[in-house]
Amino acid sequence: DGEEDLEGEDEPSVFTGERIDVLDFEMEGNKYKQIRYFRKGISKSQYIAADLIKKIVEVNK
């Protein structure tokens, strides 16, 4: 599991899954983090502008 603090947000975004990958991604000169998470054999991705991310924390429960 992982948490991500975003600029301007009071609560962190939380991603859960058996596995979570955080990848650097650049498109049209803009830098993003690709958060790819896997649950029950299905993967989903979310792209977040890198400058909005304050920190990324791994949480093991």
PDB file of N, CA and C in Angstrom:
ATOM      1  N   ASP A   1       0.846  -1.170   0.000  1.00  0.00           N
ATOM      2  CA  ASP A   1       0.000   0.000   0.000  1.00  0.00           C
ATOM      3  C   ASP A   1       0.890   1.231   0.000  1.00  0.00           C
ATOM      4  N   GLY A   2       0.363   2.328  -0.505  1.00  0.00           N
ATOM      5  CA  GLY A   2       1.152   3.543  -0.565  1.00  0.00           C
ATOM      6  C   GLY A   2       0.294   4.773  -0.386  1.00  0.00           C
ATOM      7  N   GLU A   3       0.910   5.832   0.117  1.00  0.00           N
ATOM      8  CA  GLU A   3       0.252   7.115   0.277  1.00  0.00           C
ATOM      9  C   GLU A   3       1.030   8.155  -0.492  1.00  0.00           C
ATOM     10  N   GLU A   4       0.309   9.168  -0.939  1.00  0.00           N
ATOM     11  CA  GLU A   4       0.927  10.227  -1.705  1.00  0.00           C
ATOM     12  C   GLU A   4       0.327  11.550  -1.259  1.00  0.00           C
ATOM     13  N   ASP A   5       1.143  12.504  -0.808  1.00  0.00           N
ATOM     14  CA  ASP A   5       0.675  13.838  -0.447  1.00  0.00           C
ATOM     15  C   ASP A   5       0.743  14.727  -1.675  1.00  0.00           C
ATOM     16  N   LEU A   6      -0.372  15.417  -1.970  1.00  0.00           N
ATOM     17  CA  LEU A   6      -0.430  16.296  -3.129  1.00  0.00           C
ATOM     18  C   LEU A   6      -0.574  17.740  -2.680  1.00  0.00           C
ATOM     19  N   GLU A   7       0.095  18.644  -3.379  1.00  0.00           N
ATOM     20  CA  GLU A   7      -0.027  20.070  -3.105  1.00  0.00           C
ATOM     21  C   GLU A   7      -1.491  20.477  -3.194  1.00  0.00           C
ATOM     22  N   GLY A   8      -1.960  21.264  -2.230  1.00  0.00           N
ATOM     23  CA  GLY A   8      -3.320  21.776  -2.258  1.00  0.00           C
ATOM     24  C   GLY A   8      -4.369  20.802  -1.739  1.00  0.00           C
ATOM     25  N   GLU A   9      -3.977  19.602  -1.372  1.00  0.00           N
ATOM     26  CA  GLU A   9      -4.918  18.605  -0.857  1.00  0.00           C
ATOM     27  C   GLU A   9      -4.676  18.427   0.637  1.00  0.00           C
ATOM     28  N   ASP A  10      -5.765  18.334   1.396  1.00  0.00           N
ATOM     29  CA  ASP A  10      -5.643  18.131   2.840  1.00  0.00           C
ATOM     30  C   ASP A  10      -5.301  16.691   3.195  1.00  0.00           C
ATOM     31  N   GLU A  11      -5.869  15.755   2.472  1.00  0.00           N
ATOM     32  CA  GLU A  11      -5.664  14.338   2.754  1.00  0.00           C
ATOM     33  C   GLU A  11      -4.802  13.708   1.665  1.00  0.00           C
ATOM     34  N   PRO A  12      -3.948  12.753   2.036  1.00  0.00           N
ATOM     35  CA  PRO A  12      -3.129  12.083   1.014  1.00  0.00           C
ATOM     36  C   PRO A  12      -3.977  11.170   0.136  1.00  0.00           C
ATOM     37  N   SER A  13      -3.542  10.991  -1.097  1.00  0.00           N
ATOM     38  CA  SER A  13      -4.145   9.988  -1.968  1.00  0.00           C
ATOM     39  C   SER A  13      -3.581   8.643  -1.542  1.00  0.00           C
ATOM     40  N   VAL A  14      -4.427   7.634  -1.441  1.00  0.00           N
ATOM     41  CA  VAL A  14      -3.996   6.313  -0.993  1.00  0.00           C
ATOM     42  C   VAL A  14      -4.275   5.310  -2.101  1.00  0.00           C
ATOM     43  N   PHE A  15      -3.255   4.553  -2.467  1.00  0.00           N
ATOM     44  CA  PHE A  15      -3.373   3.510  -3.475  1.00  0.00           C
ATOM     45  C   PHE A  15      -3.125   2.179  -2.786  1.00  0.00           C
ATOM     46  N   THR A  16      -3.980   1.195  -3.045  1.00  0.00           N
ATOM     47  CA  THR A  16      -3.810  -0.122  -2.443  1.00  0.00           C
ATOM     48  C   THR A  16      -3.748  -1.184  -3.531  1.00  0.00           C
ATOM     49  N   GLY A  17      -3.017  -2.239  -3.250  1.00  0.00           N
ATOM     50  CA  GLY A  17      -2.923  -3.336  -4.196  1.00  0.00           C
ATOM     51  C   GLY A  17      -1.859  -4.316  -3.770  1.00  0.00           C
ATOM     52  N   GLU A  18      -1.804  -5.437  -4.506  1.00  0.00           N
ATOM     53  CA  GLU A  18      -0.768  -6.427  -4.228  1.00  0.00           C
ATOM     54  C   GLU A  18       0.607  -5.871  -4.586  1.00  0.00           C
ATOM     55  N   ARG A  19       0.641  -5.012  -5.590  1.00  0.00           N
ATOM     56  CA  ARG A  19       1.901  -4.391  -6.011  1.00  0.00           C
ATOM     57  C   ARG A  19       1.594  -2.992  -6.517  1.00  0.00           C
ATOM     58  N   ILE A  20       2.491  -2.042  -6.227  1.00  0.00           N
ATOM     59  CA  ILE A  20       2.352  -0.671  -6.704  1.00  0.00           C
ATOM     60  C   ILE A  20       3.688  -0.256  -7.300  1.00  0.00           C
ATOM     61  N   ASP A  21       3.652   0.225  -8.541  1.00  0.00           N
ATOM     62  CA  ASP A  21       4.847   0.744  -9.204  1.00  0.00           C
ATOM     63  C   ASP A  21       4.697   2.248  -9.359  1.00  0.00           C
ATOM     64  N   VAL A  22       5.781   2.980  -9.120  1.00  0.00           N
ATOM     65  CA  VAL A  22       5.807   4.425  -9.341  1.00  0.00           C
ATOM     66  C   VAL A  22       6.873   4.682 -10.392  1.00  0.00           C
ATOM     67  N   LEU A  23       6.452   5.207 -11.530  1.00  0.00           N
ATOM     68  CA  LEU A  23       7.346   5.411 -12.662  1.00  0.00           C
ATOM     69  C   LEU A  23       7.386   6.877 -13.054  1.00  0.00           C
ATOM     70  N   ASP A  24       8.557   7.342 -13.492  1.00  0.00           N
ATOM     71  CA  ASP A  24       8.679   8.692 -14.041  1.00  0.00           C
ATOM     72  C   ASP A  24       8.229   8.663 -15.491  1.00  0.00           C
ATOM     73  N   PHE A  25       7.479   9.684 -15.893  1.00  0.00           N
ATOM     74  CA  PHE A  25       6.900   9.727 -17.230  1.00  0.00           C
ATOM     75  C   PHE A  25       6.924  11.172 -17.701  1.00  0.00           C
ATOM     76  N   GLU A  26       7.311  11.400 -18.942  1.00  0.00           N
ATOM     77  CA  GLU A  26       7.323  12.757 -19.491  1.00  0.00           C
ATOM     78  C   GLU A  26       6.516  12.775 -20.778  1.00  0.00           C
ATOM     79  N   MET A  27       5.635  13.786 -20.896  1.00  0.00           N
ATOM     80  CA  MET A  27       4.809  13.928 -22.086  1.00  0.00           C
ATOM     81  C   MET A  27       4.703  15.410 -22.417  1.00  0.00           C
ATOM     82  N   GLU A  28       5.062  15.755 -23.642  1.00  0.00           N
ATOM     83  CA  GLU A  28       5.009  17.140 -24.121  1.00  0.00           C
ATOM     84  C   GLU A  28       5.749  18.092 -23.189  1.00  0.00           C
ATOM     85  N   GLY A  29       6.884  17.648 -22.663  1.00  0.00           N
ATOM     86  CA  GLY A  29       7.713  18.488 -21.805  1.00  0.00           C
ATOM     87  C   GLY A  29       7.253  18.573 -20.361  1.00  0.00           C
ATOM     88  N   ASN A  30       6.156  17.923 -20.012  1.00  0.00           N
ATOM     89  CA  ASN A  30       5.653  17.918 -18.639  1.00  0.00           C
ATOM     90  C   ASN A  30       6.026  16.598 -17.969  1.00  0.00           C
ATOM     91  N   LYS A  31       6.479  16.697 -16.711  1.00  0.00           N
ATOM     92  CA  LYS A  31       6.889  15.504 -15.970  1.00  0.00           C
ATOM     93  C   LYS A  31       5.747  15.021 -15.084  1.00  0.00           C
ATOM     94  N   TYR A  32       5.534  13.717 -15.117  1.00  0.00           N
ATOM     95  CA  TYR A  32       4.474  13.073 -14.350  1.00  0.00           C
ATOM     96  C   TYR A  32       5.044  11.880 -13.605  1.00  0.00           C
ATOM     97  N   LYS A  33       4.304  11.438 -12.601  1.00  0.00           N
ATOM     98  CA  LYS A  33       4.537  10.150 -11.961  1.00  0.00           C
ATOM     99  C   LYS A  33       3.375   9.262 -12.389  1.00  0.00           C
ATOM    100  N   GLN A  34       3.707   8.086 -12.880  1.00  0.00           N
ATOM    101  CA  GLN A  34       2.681   7.105 -13.197  1.00  0.00           C
ATOM    102  C   GLN A  34       2.578   6.179 -12.000  1.00  0.00           C
ATOM    103  N   ILE A  35       1.417   6.150 -11.376  1.00  0.00           N
ATOM    104  CA  ILE A  35       1.160   5.251 -10.263  1.00  0.00           C
ATOM    105  C   ILE A  35       0.398   4.067 -10.846  1.00  0.00           C
ATOM    106  N   ARG A  36       1.041   2.913 -10.886  1.00  0.00           N
ATOM    107  CA  ARG A  36       0.420   1.715 -11.452  1.00  0.00           C
ATOM    108  C   ARG A  36       0.219   0.730 -10.311  1.00  0.00           C
ATOM    109  N   TYR A  37      -1.040   0.352 -10.082  1.00  0.00           N
ATOM    110  CA  TYR A  37      -1.332  -0.555  -8.974  1.00  0.00           C
ATOM    111  C   TYR A  37      -2.110  -1.763  -9.470  1.00  0.00           C
ATOM    112  N   PHE A  38      -1.825  -2.884  -8.836  1.00  0.00           N
ATOM    113  CA  PHE A  38      -2.357  -4.180  -9.250  1.00  0.00           C
ATOM    114  C   PHE A  38      -3.236  -4.740  -8.139  1.00  0.00           C
ATOM    115  N   ARG A  39      -4.469  -5.096  -8.506  1.00  0.00           N
ATOM    116  CA  ARG A  39      -5.404  -5.720  -7.569  1.00  0.00           C
ATOM    117  C   ARG A  39      -6.088  -6.889  -8.259  1.00  0.00           C
ATOM    118  N   LYS A  40      -6.001  -8.046  -7.659  1.00  0.00           N
ATOM    119  CA  LYS A  40      -6.666  -9.251  -8.172  1.00  0.00           C
ATOM    120  C   LYS A  40      -6.354  -9.489  -9.645  1.00  0.00           C
ATOM    121  N   GLY A  41      -5.088  -9.285 -10.014  1.00  0.00           N
ATOM    122  CA  GLY A  41      -4.644  -9.548 -11.378  1.00  0.00           C
ATOM    123  C   GLY A  41      -4.957  -8.461 -12.386  1.00  0.00           C
ATOM    124  N   ILE A  42      -5.573  -7.370 -11.963  1.00  0.00           N
ATOM    125  CA  ILE A  42      -5.915  -6.262 -12.860  1.00  0.00           C
ATOM    126  C   ILE A  42      -5.076  -5.054 -12.475  1.00  0.00           C
ATOM    127  N   SER A  43      -4.506  -4.382 -13.482  1.00  0.00           N
ATOM    128  CA  SER A  43      -3.715  -3.188 -13.188  1.00  0.00           C
ATOM    129  C   SER A  43      -4.465  -1.943 -13.639  1.00  0.00           C
ATOM    130  N   LYS A  44      -4.264  -0.876 -12.889  1.00  0.00           N
ATOM    131  CA  LYS A  44      -4.810   0.433 -13.232  1.00  0.00           C
ATOM    132  C   LYS A  44      -3.687   1.436 -13.057  1.00  0.00           C
ATOM    133  N   SER A  45      -3.741   2.513 -13.838  1.00  0.00           N
ATOM    134  CA  SER A  45      -2.718   3.553 -13.753  1.00  0.00           C
ATOM    135  C   SER A  45      -3.358   4.908 -13.535  1.00  0.00           C
ATOM    136  N   GLN A  46      -2.620   5.754 -12.834  1.00  0.00           N
ATOM    137  CA  GLN A  46      -3.024   7.144 -12.667  1.00  0.00           C
ATOM    138  C   GLN A  46      -1.785   7.994 -12.887  1.00  0.00           C
ATOM    139  N   TYR A  47      -1.935   9.077 -13.654  1.00  0.00           N
ATOM    140  CA  TYR A  47      -0.834   9.994 -13.914  1.00  0.00           C
ATOM    141  C   TYR A  47      -1.062  11.254 -13.095  1.00  0.00           C
ATOM    142  N   ILE A  48      -0.017  11.666 -12.366  1.00  0.00           N
ATOM    143  CA  ILE A  48      -0.094  12.856 -11.527  1.00  0.00           C
ATOM    144  C   ILE A  48       1.109  13.725 -11.861  1.00  0.00           C
ATOM    145  N   ALA A  49       0.869  15.015 -12.076  1.00  0.00           N
ATOM    146  CA  ALA A  49       1.960  15.942 -12.372  1.00  0.00           C
ATOM    147  C   ALA A  49       2.985  15.882 -11.240  1.00  0.00           C
ATOM    148  N   ALA A  50       4.246  15.687 -11.599  1.00  0.00           N
ATOM    149  CA  ALA A  50       5.309  15.478 -10.610  1.00  0.00           C
ATOM    150  C   ALA A  50       5.442  16.650  -9.644  1.00  0.00           C
ATOM    151  N   ASP A  51       5.182  17.879 -10.107  1.00  0.00           N
ATOM    152  CA  ASP A  51       5.347  19.036  -9.223  1.00  0.00           C
ATOM    153  C   ASP A  51       4.230  19.155  -8.181  1.00  0.00           C
ATOM    154  N   LEU A  52       3.172  18.367  -8.300  1.00  0.00           N
ATOM    155  CA  LEU A  52       2.100  18.368  -7.300  1.00  0.00           C
ATOM    156  C   LEU A  52       2.377  17.412  -6.150  1.00  0.00           C
ATOM    157  N   ILE A  53       3.339  16.516  -6.324  1.00  0.00           N
ATOM    158  CA  ILE A  53       3.617  15.498  -5.312  1.00  0.00           C
ATOM    159  C   ILE A  53       4.619  16.036  -4.297  1.00  0.00           C
ATOM    160  N   LYS A  54       4.218  16.034  -3.019  1.00  0.00           N
ATOM    161  CA  LYS A  54       5.119  16.461  -1.950  1.00  0.00           C
ATOM    162  C   LYS A  54       5.990  15.305  -1.472  1.00  0.00           C
ATOM    163  N   LYS A  55       5.387  14.118  -1.305  1.00  0.00           N
ATOM    164  CA  LYS A  55       6.157  12.947  -0.890  1.00  0.00           C
ATOM    165  C   LYS A  55       5.362  11.690  -1.200  1.00  0.00           C
ATOM    166  N   ILE A  56       6.093  10.591  -1.311  1.00  0.00           N
ATOM    167  CA  ILE A  56       5.498   9.276  -1.524  1.00  0.00           C
ATOM    168  C   ILE A  56       5.996   8.380  -0.400  1.00  0.00           C
ATOM    169  N   VAL A  57       5.068   7.706   0.269  1.00  0.00           N
ATOM    170  CA  VAL A  57       5.398   6.884   1.425  1.00  0.00           C
ATOM    171  C   VAL A  57       4.824   5.489   1.218  1.00  0.00           C
ATOM    172  N   GLU A  58       5.638   4.467   1.478  1.00  0.00           N
ATOM    173  CA  GLU A  58       5.157   3.089   1.437  1.00  0.00           C
ATOM    174  C   GLU A  58       4.633   2.717   2.814  1.00  0.00           C
ATOM    175  N   VAL A  59       3.419   2.166   2.846  1.00  0.00           N
ATOM    176  CA  VAL A  59       2.794   1.764   4.099  1.00  0.00           C
ATOM    177  C   VAL A  59       2.519   0.269   4.020  1.00  0.00           C
ATOM    178  N   ASN A  60       3.134  -0.505   4.897  1.00  0.00           N
ATOM    179  CA  ASN A  60       2.893  -1.954   4.949  1.00  0.00           C
ATOM    180  C   ASN A  60       1.951  -2.243   6.099  1.00  0.00           C
ATOM    181  N   LYS A  61       0.837  -2.880   5.787  1.00  0.00           N
ATOM    182  CA  LYS A  61      -0.146  -3.183   6.841  1.00  0.00           C
ATOM    183  C   LYS A  61      -0.190  -4.655   7.106  1.00  0.00           C
TER     184      LYS A  61
END
